[in-house]
């Protein structure tokens, strides 16, 4: 049976990716015209990722661990 996707893991990967993508970017003025973020500015997308990151820092989820099998070996 296929495992259900883990929302916490998916969100962690998205947050980390967005924060990395915008890491050295200063002027976030573009607006997405299509796709998942249509109508949102880059600033809003980065702010959402930062907010989710801060939420997890304050109240971490116990639905997954950051330990990867390869890191243990």
C-alpha atoms as a PDB file:
ATOM      1  CA  UNK A   1       0.000   0.000   0.000  1.00  0.00           C
ATOM      2  CA  UNK A   2       1.314   3.438  -0.922  1.00  0.00           C
ATOM      3  CA  UNK A   3       2.130   5.727   1.999  1.00  0.00           C
ATOM      4  CA  UNK A   4       0.118   8.918   2.323  1.00  0.00           C
ATOM      5  CA  UNK A   5       2.091  12.070   1.566  1.00  0.00           C
ATOM      6  CA  UNK A   6       3.304  13.774   4.724  1.00  0.00           C
ATOM      7  CA  UNK A   7       2.095  17.389   4.663  1.00  0.00           C
ATOM      8  CA  UNK A   8       4.790  18.484   7.124  1.00  0.00           C
ATOM      9  CA  UNK A   9       7.580  17.082   4.948  1.00  0.00           C
ATOM     10  CA  UNK A  10       6.133  18.552   1.759  1.00  0.00           C
ATOM     11  CA  UNK A  11       5.769  21.952   3.411  1.00  0.00           C
ATOM     12  CA  UNK A  12       9.292  21.814   4.879  1.00  0.00           C
ATOM     13  CA  UNK A  13      10.731  21.091   1.428  1.00  0.00           C
ATOM     14  CA  UNK A  14       8.728  23.942  -0.153  1.00  0.00           C
ATOM     15  CA  UNK A  15       9.671  26.430   2.581  1.00  0.00           C
ATOM     16  CA  UNK A  16      13.356  25.517   2.339  1.00  0.00           C
ATOM     17  CA  UNK A  17      13.259  25.797  -1.446  1.00  0.00           C
ATOM     18  CA  UNK A  18      11.558  29.207  -1.467  1.00  0.00           C
ATOM     19  CA  UNK A  19      13.895  30.587   1.198  1.00  0.00           C
ATOM     20  CA  UNK A  20      16.916  29.330  -0.757  1.00  0.00           C
ATOM     21  CA  UNK A  21      15.560  30.719  -4.038  1.00  0.00           C
ATOM     22  CA  UNK A  22      15.078  34.206  -2.564  1.00  0.00           C
ATOM     23  CA  UNK A  23      18.130  34.083  -0.249  1.00  0.00           C
ATOM     24  CA  UNK A  24      20.187  36.804  -1.958  1.00  0.00           C
ATOM     25  CA  UNK A  25      17.337  38.737  -3.535  1.00  0.00           C
ATOM     26  CA  UNK A  26      16.520  42.237  -2.374  1.00  0.00           C
ATOM     27  CA  UNK A  27      13.883  43.877  -4.545  1.00  0.00           C
ATOM     28  CA  UNK A  28      10.892  41.529  -4.777  1.00  0.00           C
ATOM     29  CA  UNK A  29       8.440  43.449  -6.936  1.00  0.00           C
ATOM     30  CA  UNK A  30       7.337  40.965  -9.594  1.00  0.00           C
ATOM     31  CA  UNK A  31       3.795  39.574  -9.531  1.00  0.00           C
ATOM     32  CA  UNK A  32       3.059  36.040 -10.648  1.00  0.00           C
ATOM     33  CA  UNK A  33       0.576  36.043 -13.514  1.00  0.00           C
ATOM     34  CA  UNK A  34       0.029  32.287 -13.778  1.00  0.00           C
ATOM     35  CA  UNK A  35       0.397  29.123 -11.784  1.00  0.00           C
ATOM     36  CA  UNK A  36      -0.007  28.445  -8.089  1.00  0.00           C
ATOM     37  CA  UNK A  37       0.893  31.968  -7.004  1.00  0.00           C
ATOM     38  CA  UNK A  38      -1.079  33.906  -9.626  1.00  0.00           C
ATOM     39  CA  UNK A  39      -1.858  37.364  -8.295  1.00  0.00           C
ATOM     40  CA  UNK A  40       0.725  37.147  -5.509  1.00  0.00           C
ATOM     41  CA  UNK A  41       3.935  39.131  -5.485  1.00  0.00           C
ATOM     42  CA  UNK A  42       7.318  37.567  -4.909  1.00  0.00           C
ATOM     43  CA  UNK A  43       7.392  39.459  -1.620  1.00  0.00           C
ATOM     44  CA  UNK A  44       4.138  37.749  -0.531  1.00  0.00           C
ATOM     45  CA  UNK A  45       5.400  34.284  -1.474  1.00  0.00           C
ATOM     46  CA  UNK A  46       8.657  34.817   0.418  1.00  0.00           C
ATOM     47  CA  UNK A  47       6.736  36.231   3.404  1.00  0.00           C
ATOM     48  CA  UNK A  48       4.522  33.117   3.460  1.00  0.00           C
ATOM     49  CA  UNK A  49       7.575  30.840   3.438  1.00  0.00           C
ATOM     50  CA  UNK A  50       9.212  32.907   6.204  1.00  0.00           C
ATOM     51  CA  UNK A  51       6.034  32.802   8.302  1.00  0.00           C
ATOM     52  CA  UNK A  52       5.762  29.011   7.953  1.00  0.00           C
ATOM     53  CA  UNK A  53       9.451  28.661   8.829  1.00  0.00           C
ATOM     54  CA  UNK A  54       8.991  30.813  11.952  1.00  0.00           C
ATOM     55  CA  UNK A  55       5.881  28.847  12.949  1.00  0.00           C
ATOM     56  CA  UNK A  56       7.854  25.609  12.811  1.00  0.00           C
ATOM     57  CA  UNK A  57      10.751  27.118  14.765  1.00  0.00           C
ATOM     58  CA  UNK A  58       8.361  28.168  17.559  1.00  0.00           C
ATOM     59  CA  UNK A  59       6.266  24.979  17.590  1.00  0.00           C
ATOM     60  CA  UNK A  60       7.986  22.107  15.767  1.00  0.00           C
ATOM     61  CA  UNK A  61       5.863  19.260  14.455  1.00  0.00           C
ATOM     62  CA  UNK A  62       6.450  15.765  15.723  1.00  0.00           C
ATOM     63  CA  UNK A  63       5.006  14.211  12.547  1.00  0.00           C
ATOM     64  CA  UNK A  64       8.462  13.679  11.101  1.00  0.00           C
ATOM     65  CA  UNK A  65      12.101  13.896  12.027  1.00  0.00           C
ATOM     66  CA  UNK A  66      14.866  15.657  10.161  1.00  0.00           C
ATOM     67  CA  UNK A  67      17.023  12.544  10.369  1.00  0.00           C
ATOM     68  CA  UNK A  68      17.647  10.812   7.066  1.00  0.00           C
ATOM     69  CA  UNK A  69      18.768   7.184   7.008  1.00  0.00           C
ATOM     70  CA  UNK A  70      21.938   8.105   5.056  1.00  0.00           C
ATOM     71  CA  UNK A  71      22.882  10.635   7.756  1.00  0.00           C
ATOM     72  CA  UNK A  72      22.801   7.926  10.449  1.00  0.00           C
ATOM     73  CA  UNK A  73      25.160   5.553   8.683  1.00  0.00           C
END
